Amino acid sequence: MKINTADFVISNTNVSKCPKEQLPEYAFIGRSNVGKSSLINMLTNKSKLAKTSGKPGKTQLINHFKINNNWFLVDLPGYGYAKVSKSKRQTFQAFIKDYFLQRTQLVCSFVLVDSRHEPQKIDLDFMQFLGESGIPFCIIFTKSDKLKLSQLNRNIEVYIKKMTQTIWEEMPPYFVTSASNKNGKDEVLKYIADLNTKVAKEF
């Protein structure tokens, strides 16, 4: 898939205010500072589409971007650490949960995890929530350029082992990416394109 247009549509904290158009949506979410904004900018060829920051917790709203006028990329707030008050963090979690449970246009979620780290409980818990809620998702391992290939492969093997030893019968689909060298870009976009074709009759 080639992305020709990527346009910001709306930011909000209320699912009822999300776009009414019946277009397939793909949500991107992960722990704060996992490299989500950089990945979105890389996928869309827009260096400033999603705001990047060295400070965790930059994204604090549900952000809709219309891609090629036929599907939405949704940039969601990071879960976990954010430099905001506890009450505000709880608010973020509430509307994130509402989005996943109420947004009927959502086709698939991409959960971003930092390839440099061992499996984190907060990521595993969030994926369990998606699984128990019947929400399809894939895993995107970010920042793969920060590791030697041998270490990267070991870390992914550890992740697969951890997940399949808990509640998962098999590893969900996953992608290995780098916003710096564009690794994984074609694979992620092809996956979305294939899903768009499969769900076309539903929209």
C-alpha atoms as a PDB file:
ATOM      1  CA  MET A   1       0.000   0.000   0.000  1.00  0.00           C
ATOM      2  CA  LYS A   2       1.169   3.489  -0.837  1.00  0.00           C
ATOM      3  CA  ILE A   3      -0.070   6.292   1.390  1.00  0.00           C
ATOM      4  CA  ASN A   4      -0.844   9.321  -0.753  1.00  0.00           C
ATOM      5  CA  THR A   5      -2.800  11.402   1.748  1.00  0.00           C
ATOM      6  CA  ALA A   6      -2.805  11.497   5.544  1.00  0.00           C
ATOM      7  CA  ASP A   7      -5.001  14.202   7.024  1.00  0.00           C
ATOM      8  CA  PHE A   8      -5.722  15.091  10.620  1.00  0.00           C
ATOM      9  CA  VAL A   9      -9.479  14.995  11.294  1.00  0.00           C
ATOM     10  CA  ILE A  10     -10.229  15.358  15.010  1.00  0.00           C
ATOM     11  CA  SER A  11      -8.891  14.972  18.566  1.00  0.00           C
ATOM     12  CA  ASN A  12     -11.167  14.289  21.508  1.00  0.00           C
ATOM     13  CA  THR A  13     -11.704  12.323  24.700  1.00  0.00           C
ATOM     14  CA  ASN A  14     -15.254  11.233  23.948  1.00  0.00           C
ATOM     15  CA  VAL A  15     -15.919   8.214  21.758  1.00  0.00           C
ATOM     16  CA  SER A  16     -19.292   9.637  20.718  1.00  0.00           C
ATOM     17  CA  LYS A  17     -17.443  12.522  19.046  1.00  0.00           C
ATOM     18  CA  CYS A  18     -15.259  10.303  16.881  1.00  0.00           C
ATOM     19  CA  PRO A  19     -15.896  10.449  13.105  1.00  0.00           C
ATOM     20  CA  LYS A  20     -19.276   9.067  12.046  1.00  0.00           C
ATOM     21  CA  GLU A  21     -18.008   7.838   8.693  1.00  0.00           C
ATOM     22  CA  GLN A  22     -18.210   4.111   8.212  1.00  0.00           C
ATOM     23  CA  LEU A  23     -14.568   3.555   7.375  1.00  0.00           C
ATOM     24  CA  PRO A  24     -12.258   0.881   8.822  1.00  0.00           C
ATOM     25  CA  GLU A  25     -10.060   2.039  11.704  1.00  0.00           C
ATOM     26  CA  TYR A  26      -6.687   0.858  12.975  1.00  0.00           C
ATOM     27  CA  ALA A  27      -5.623   1.959  16.440  1.00  0.00           C
ATOM     28  CA  PHE A  28      -2.009   2.372  17.569  1.00  0.00           C
ATOM     29  CA  ILE A  29      -1.289   2.231  21.283  1.00  0.00           C
ATOM     30  CA  GLY A  30       1.536   1.362  23.685  1.00  0.00           C
ATOM     31  CA  ARG A  31       3.356   2.431  26.796  1.00  0.00           C
ATOM     32  CA  SER A  32       4.396   6.058  26.942  1.00  0.00           C
ATOM     33  CA  ASN A  33       7.622   6.787  25.045  1.00  0.00           C
ATOM     34  CA  VAL A  34       7.525   3.533  23.067  1.00  0.00           C
ATOM     35  CA  GLY A  35       8.061   5.405  19.795  1.00  0.00           C
ATOM     36  CA  LYS A  36       4.446   5.477  18.639  1.00  0.00           C
ATOM     37  CA  SER A  37       4.416   8.955  17.116  1.00  0.00           C
ATOM     38  CA  SER A  38       7.680   8.330  15.266  1.00  0.00           C
ATOM     39  CA  LEU A  39       6.283   5.072  13.886  1.00  0.00           C
ATOM     40  CA  ILE A  40       3.071   6.747  12.699  1.00  0.00           C
ATOM     41  CA  ASN A  41       5.064   9.488  10.987  1.00  0.00           C
ATOM     42  CA  MET A  42       7.237   6.869   9.311  1.00  0.00           C
ATOM     43  CA  LEU A  43       4.250   4.836   8.077  1.00  0.00           C
ATOM     44  CA  THR A  44       2.512   7.890   6.636  1.00  0.00           C
ATOM     45  CA  ASN A  45       5.600   9.633   5.225  1.00  0.00           C
ATOM     46  CA  LYS A  46       4.633  12.709   7.234  1.00  0.00           C
ATOM     47  CA  SER A  47       7.408  13.845   9.573  1.00  0.00           C
ATOM     48  CA  LYS A  48       5.087  15.938  11.738  1.00  0.00           C
ATOM     49  CA  LEU A  49       1.716  14.195  11.455  1.00  0.00           C
ATOM     50  CA  ALA A  50       1.886  12.852  14.999  1.00  0.00           C
ATOM     51  CA  LYS A  51       3.598  14.977  17.621  1.00  0.00           C
ATOM     52  CA  THR A  52       6.815  13.475  18.948  1.00  0.00           C
ATOM     53  CA  SER A  53       8.442  14.318  22.251  1.00  0.00           C
ATOM     54  CA  GLY A  54      11.264  13.161  24.484  1.00  0.00           C
ATOM     55  CA  LYS A  55       8.831  13.428  27.387  1.00  0.00           C
ATOM     56  CA  PRO A  56       6.566  10.416  28.015  1.00  0.00           C
ATOM     57  CA  GLY A  57       2.827  10.977  27.822  1.00  0.00           C
ATOM     58  CA  LYS A  58       2.772  13.502  24.971  1.00  0.00           C
ATOM     59  CA  THR A  59      -0.351  12.063  23.335  1.00  0.00           C
ATOM     60  CA  GLN A  60      -3.342  12.691  25.596  1.00  0.00           C
ATOM     61  CA  LEU A  61      -6.264  12.482  23.174  1.00  0.00           C
ATOM     62  CA  ILE A  62      -7.887  10.134  20.666  1.00  0.00           C
ATOM     63  CA  ASN A  63      -6.440  11.391  17.369  1.00  0.00           C
ATOM     64  CA  HIS A  64      -8.035  10.429  14.054  1.00  0.00           C
ATOM     65  CA  PHE A  65      -6.109  10.677  10.780  1.00  0.00           C
ATOM     66  CA  LYS A  66      -7.828   9.849   7.493  1.00  0.00           C
ATOM     67  CA  ILE A  67      -5.554   7.852   5.197  1.00  0.00           C
ATOM     68  CA  ASN A  68      -6.056   7.838   1.425  1.00  0.00           C
ATOM     69  CA  ASN A  69      -9.648   8.938   2.109  1.00  0.00           C
ATOM     70  CA  ASN A  70     -10.653   5.334   2.816  1.00  0.00           C
ATOM     71  CA  TRP A  71      -9.484   4.366   6.307  1.00  0.00           C
ATOM     72  CA  PHE A  72      -8.572   5.911   9.648  1.00  0.00           C
ATOM     73  CA  LEU A  73      -5.347   5.627  11.578  1.00  0.00           C
ATOM     74  CA  VAL A  74      -6.072   6.294  15.258  1.00  0.00           C
ATOM     75  CA  ASP A  75      -3.310   7.523  17.557  1.00  0.00           C
ATOM     76  CA  LEU A  76      -4.228   6.730  21.162  1.00  0.00           C
ATOM     77  CA  PRO A  77      -2.658   7.953  24.428  1.00  0.00           C
ATOM     78  CA  GLY A  78       0.085   5.817  25.881  1.00  0.00           C
ATOM     79  CA  TYR A  79      -0.755   3.819  28.956  1.00  0.00           C
ATOM     80  CA  GLY A  80       1.499   3.674  31.991  1.00  0.00           C
ATOM     81  CA  TYR A  81       3.762   6.542  32.958  1.00  0.00           C
ATOM     82  CA  ALA A  82       2.737  10.041  31.942  1.00  0.00           C
ATOM     83  CA  LYS A  83       3.756  13.270  33.618  1.00  0.00           C
ATOM     84  CA  VAL A  84       0.228  14.199  34.629  1.00  0.00           C
ATOM     85  CA  SER A  85      -1.840  13.853  37.783  1.00  0.00           C
ATOM     86  CA  LYS A  86      -3.149  10.467  38.912  1.00  0.00           C
ATOM     87  CA  SER A  87      -6.739  11.607  38.381  1.00  0.00           C
ATOM     88  CA  LYS A  88      -5.947  12.604  34.802  1.00  0.00           C
ATOM     89  CA  ARG A  89      -4.249   9.261  34.139  1.00  0.00           C
ATOM     90  CA  GLN A  90      -7.422   7.534  35.312  1.00  0.00           C
ATOM     91  CA  THR A  91      -9.418   9.686  32.900  1.00  0.00           C
ATOM     92  CA  PHE A  92      -7.125   8.643  30.051  1.00  0.00           C
ATOM     93  CA  GLN A  93      -7.644   4.996  30.883  1.00  0.00           C
ATOM     94  CA  ALA A  94     -11.418   5.421  31.013  1.00  0.00           C
ATOM     95  CA  PHE A  95     -11.785   6.899  27.554  1.00  0.00           C
ATOM     96  CA  ILE A  96      -9.219   4.532  26.067  1.00  0.00           C
ATOM     97  CA  LYS A  97     -11.286   1.627  27.381  1.00  0.00           C
ATOM     98  CA  ASP A  98     -14.478   3.229  26.059  1.00  0.00           C
ATOM     99  CA  TYR A  99     -12.888   3.558  22.623  1.00  0.00           C
ATOM    100  CA  PHE A 100     -11.987  -0.116  22.408  1.00  0.00           C
ATOM    101  CA  LEU A 101     -15.300  -1.373  23.756  1.00  0.00           C
ATOM    102  CA  GLN A 102     -17.595   0.981  21.836  1.00  0.00           C
ATOM    103  CA  ARG A 103     -15.934   1.826  18.527  1.00  0.00           C
ATOM    104  CA  THR A 104     -17.585  -0.485  15.997  1.00  0.00           C
ATOM    105  CA  GLN A 105     -15.400   0.746  13.106  1.00  0.00           C
ATOM    106  CA  LEU A 106     -12.261  -0.628  14.771  1.00  0.00           C
ATOM    107  CA  VAL A 107     -10.839  -3.467  12.682  1.00  0.00           C
ATOM    108  CA  CYS A 108      -7.516  -4.107  14.412  1.00  0.00           C
ATOM    109  CA  SER A 109      -5.292  -2.641  17.093  1.00  0.00           C
ATOM    110  CA  PHE A 110      -1.528  -2.443  16.973  1.00  0.00           C
ATOM    111  CA  VAL A 111       0.088  -2.716  20.397  1.00  0.00           C
ATOM    112  CA  LEU A 112       3.582  -1.240  20.365  1.00  0.00           C
ATOM    113  CA  VAL A 113       6.295  -2.653  22.605  1.00  0.00           C
ATOM    114  CA  ASP A 114       9.938  -1.628  22.855  1.00  0.00           C
ATOM    115  CA  SER A 115      12.040  -4.428  21.373  1.00  0.00           C
ATOM    116  CA  ARG A 116      14.895  -3.601  23.760  1.00  0.00           C
ATOM    117  CA  HIS A 117      13.033  -4.655  26.893  1.00  0.00           C
ATOM    118  CA  GLU A 118      11.749  -7.889  28.346  1.00  0.00           C
ATOM    119  CA  PRO A 119       7.962  -8.394  28.438  1.00  0.00           C
ATOM    120  CA  GLN A 120       6.351  -5.789  30.675  1.00  0.00           C
ATOM    121  CA  LYS A 121       3.354  -6.655  32.852  1.00  0.00           C
ATOM    122  CA  ILE A 122       1.442  -3.542  31.776  1.00  0.00           C
ATOM    123  CA  ASP A 123       1.735  -4.567  28.099  1.00  0.00           C
ATOM    124  CA  LEU A 124       0.727  -8.159  28.809  1.00  0.00           C
ATOM    125  CA  ASP A 125      -2.230  -7.007  30.928  1.00  0.00           C
ATOM    126  CA  PHE A 126      -3.410  -4.661  28.189  1.00  0.00           C
ATOM    127  CA  MET A 127      -3.197  -7.373  25.544  1.00  0.00           C
ATOM    128  CA  GLN A 128      -5.127  -9.683  27.856  1.00  0.00           C
ATOM    129  CA  PHE A 129      -7.850  -7.024  28.091  1.00  0.00           C
ATOM    130  CA  LEU A 130      -8.015  -6.875  24.288  1.00  0.00           C
ATOM    131  CA  GLY A 131      -8.153 -10.653  24.004  1.00  0.00           C
ATOM    132  CA  GLU A 132     -10.847 -11.044  26.637  1.00  0.00           C
ATOM    133  CA  SER A 133     -12.846  -8.273  24.946  1.00  0.00           C
ATOM    134  CA  GLY A 134     -12.631  -9.981  21.564  1.00  0.00           C
ATOM    135  CA  ILE A 135     -10.642  -7.153  19.972  1.00  0.00           C
ATOM    136  CA  PRO A 136      -8.205  -8.283  17.238  1.00  0.00           C
ATOM    137  CA  PHE A 137      -4.669  -7.003  17.702  1.00  0.00           C
ATOM    138  CA  CYS A 138      -1.115  -7.309  16.474  1.00  0.00           C
ATOM    139  CA  ILE A 139       2.146  -6.534  18.219  1.00  0.00           C
ATOM    140  CA  ILE A 140       4.656  -4.069  16.806  1.00  0.00           C
ATOM    141  CA  PHE A 141       8.183  -4.325  18.170  1.00  0.00           C
ATOM    142  CA  THR A 142       9.653  -0.828  17.891  1.00  0.00           C
ATOM    143  CA  LYS A 143      13.200   0.550  17.857  1.00  0.00           C
ATOM    144  CA  SER A 144      14.703  -2.569  16.295  1.00  0.00           C
ATOM    145  CA  ASP A 145      17.644  -0.525  14.995  1.00  0.00           C
ATOM    146  CA  LYS A 146      18.862  -0.072  18.575  1.00  0.00           C
ATOM    147  CA  LEU A 147      19.816  -3.742  18.863  1.00  0.00           C
ATOM    148  CA  LYS A 148      22.083  -6.200  17.133  1.00  0.00           C
ATOM    149  CA  LEU A 149      20.064  -8.715  15.123  1.00  0.00           C
ATOM    150  CA  SER A 150      21.025 -11.603  17.414  1.00  0.00           C
ATOM    151  CA  GLN A 151      19.825  -9.726  20.513  1.00  0.00           C
ATOM    152  CA  LEU A 152      16.665  -8.597  18.753  1.00  0.00           C
ATOM    153  CA  ASN A 153      15.806 -12.170  17.794  1.00  0.00           C
ATOM    154  CA  ARG A 154      16.485 -13.372  21.350  1.00  0.00           C
ATOM    155  CA  ASN A 155      14.227 -10.694  22.806  1.00  0.00           C
ATOM    156  CA  ILE A 156      11.399 -11.608  20.451  1.00  0.00           C
ATOM    157  CA  GLU A 157      11.828 -15.295  21.282  1.00  0.00           C
ATOM    158  CA  VAL A 158      11.527 -14.425  24.971  1.00  0.00           C
ATOM    159  CA  TYR A 159       8.343 -12.491  24.239  1.00  0.00           C
ATOM    160  CA  ILE A 160       6.832 -15.374  22.277  1.00  0.00           C
ATOM    161  CA  LYS A 161       7.706 -17.827  25.039  1.00  0.00           C
ATOM    162  CA  LYS A 162       6.257 -15.548  27.727  1.00  0.00           C
ATOM    163  CA  MET A 163       2.965 -15.052  25.910  1.00  0.00           C
ATOM    164  CA  THR A 164       2.435 -18.666  24.914  1.00  0.00           C
ATOM    165  CA  GLN A 165       3.183 -19.803  28.462  1.00  0.00           C
ATOM    166  CA  THR A 166       0.419 -17.600  29.881  1.00  0.00           C
ATOM    167  CA  ILE A 167      -3.091 -17.266  28.427  1.00  0.00           C
ATOM    168  CA  TRP A 168      -2.267 -17.332  24.709  1.00  0.00           C
ATOM    169  CA  GLU A 169      -2.429 -20.509  22.656  1.00  0.00           C
ATOM    170  CA  GLU A 170      -0.280 -18.894  19.996  1.00  0.00           C
ATOM    171  CA  MET A 171       1.558 -15.655  19.381  1.00  0.00           C
ATOM    172  CA  PRO A 172      -0.581 -12.929  17.779  1.00  0.00           C
ATOM    173  CA  PRO A 173       0.685 -11.555  14.448  1.00  0.00           C
ATOM    174  CA  TYR A 174       3.700  -9.326  15.015  1.00  0.00           C
ATOM    175  CA  PHE A 175       5.945  -6.919  13.145  1.00  0.00           C
ATOM    176  CA  VAL A 176       9.482  -5.703  13.771  1.00  0.00           C
ATOM    177  CA  THR A 177       9.927  -2.018  12.997  1.00  0.00           C
ATOM    178  CA  SER A 178      12.263   0.925  13.145  1.00  0.00           C
ATOM    179  CA  ALA A 179      11.174   4.509  12.560  1.00  0.00           C
ATOM    180  CA  SER A 180      14.796   5.378  11.770  1.00  0.00           C
ATOM    181  CA  ASN A 181      15.447   2.966   8.912  1.00  0.00           C
ATOM    182  CA  LYS A 182      11.793   2.267   7.988  1.00  0.00           C
ATOM    183  CA  ASN A 183      12.136  -1.420   8.758  1.00  0.00           C
ATOM    184  CA  GLY A 184       8.718  -3.103   8.845  1.00  0.00           C
ATOM    185  CA  LYS A 185       6.887  -0.283   7.071  1.00  0.00           C
ATOM    186  CA  ASP A 186       5.873  -2.285   3.998  1.00  0.00           C
ATOM    187  CA  GLU A 187       4.798  -5.271   6.089  1.00  0.00           C
ATOM    188  CA  VAL A 188       2.521  -3.235   8.377  1.00  0.00           C
ATOM    189  CA  LEU A 189       0.918  -1.346   5.499  1.00  0.00           C
ATOM    190  CA  LYS A 190       0.366  -4.543   3.506  1.00  0.00           C
ATOM    191  CA  TYR A 191      -1.327  -6.109   6.529  1.00  0.00           C
ATOM    192  CA  ILE A 192      -3.695  -3.132   6.788  1.00  0.00           C
ATOM    193  CA  ALA A 193      -4.356  -3.191   3.032  1.00  0.00           C
ATOM    194  CA  ASP A 194      -5.217  -6.898   3.171  1.00  0.00           C
ATOM    195  CA  LEU A 195      -7.594  -6.322   6.084  1.00  0.00           C
ATOM    196  CA  ASN A 196      -9.226  -3.414   4.243  1.00  0.00           C
ATOM    197  CA  THR A 197      -9.934  -5.761   1.348  1.00  0.00           C
ATOM    198  CA  LYS A 198     -11.403  -8.419   3.649  1.00  0.00           C
ATOM    199  CA  VAL A 199     -13.724  -6.037   5.517  1.00  0.00           C
ATOM    200  CA  ALA A 200     -14.741  -3.918   2.515  1.00  0.00           C
ATOM    201  CA  LYS A 201     -18.232  -5.433   2.383  1.00  0.00           C
ATOM    202  CA  GLU A 202     -18.841  -4.599   6.042  1.00  0.00           C
ATOM    203  CA  PHE A 203     -18.476  -0.850   5.529  1.00  0.00           C
END
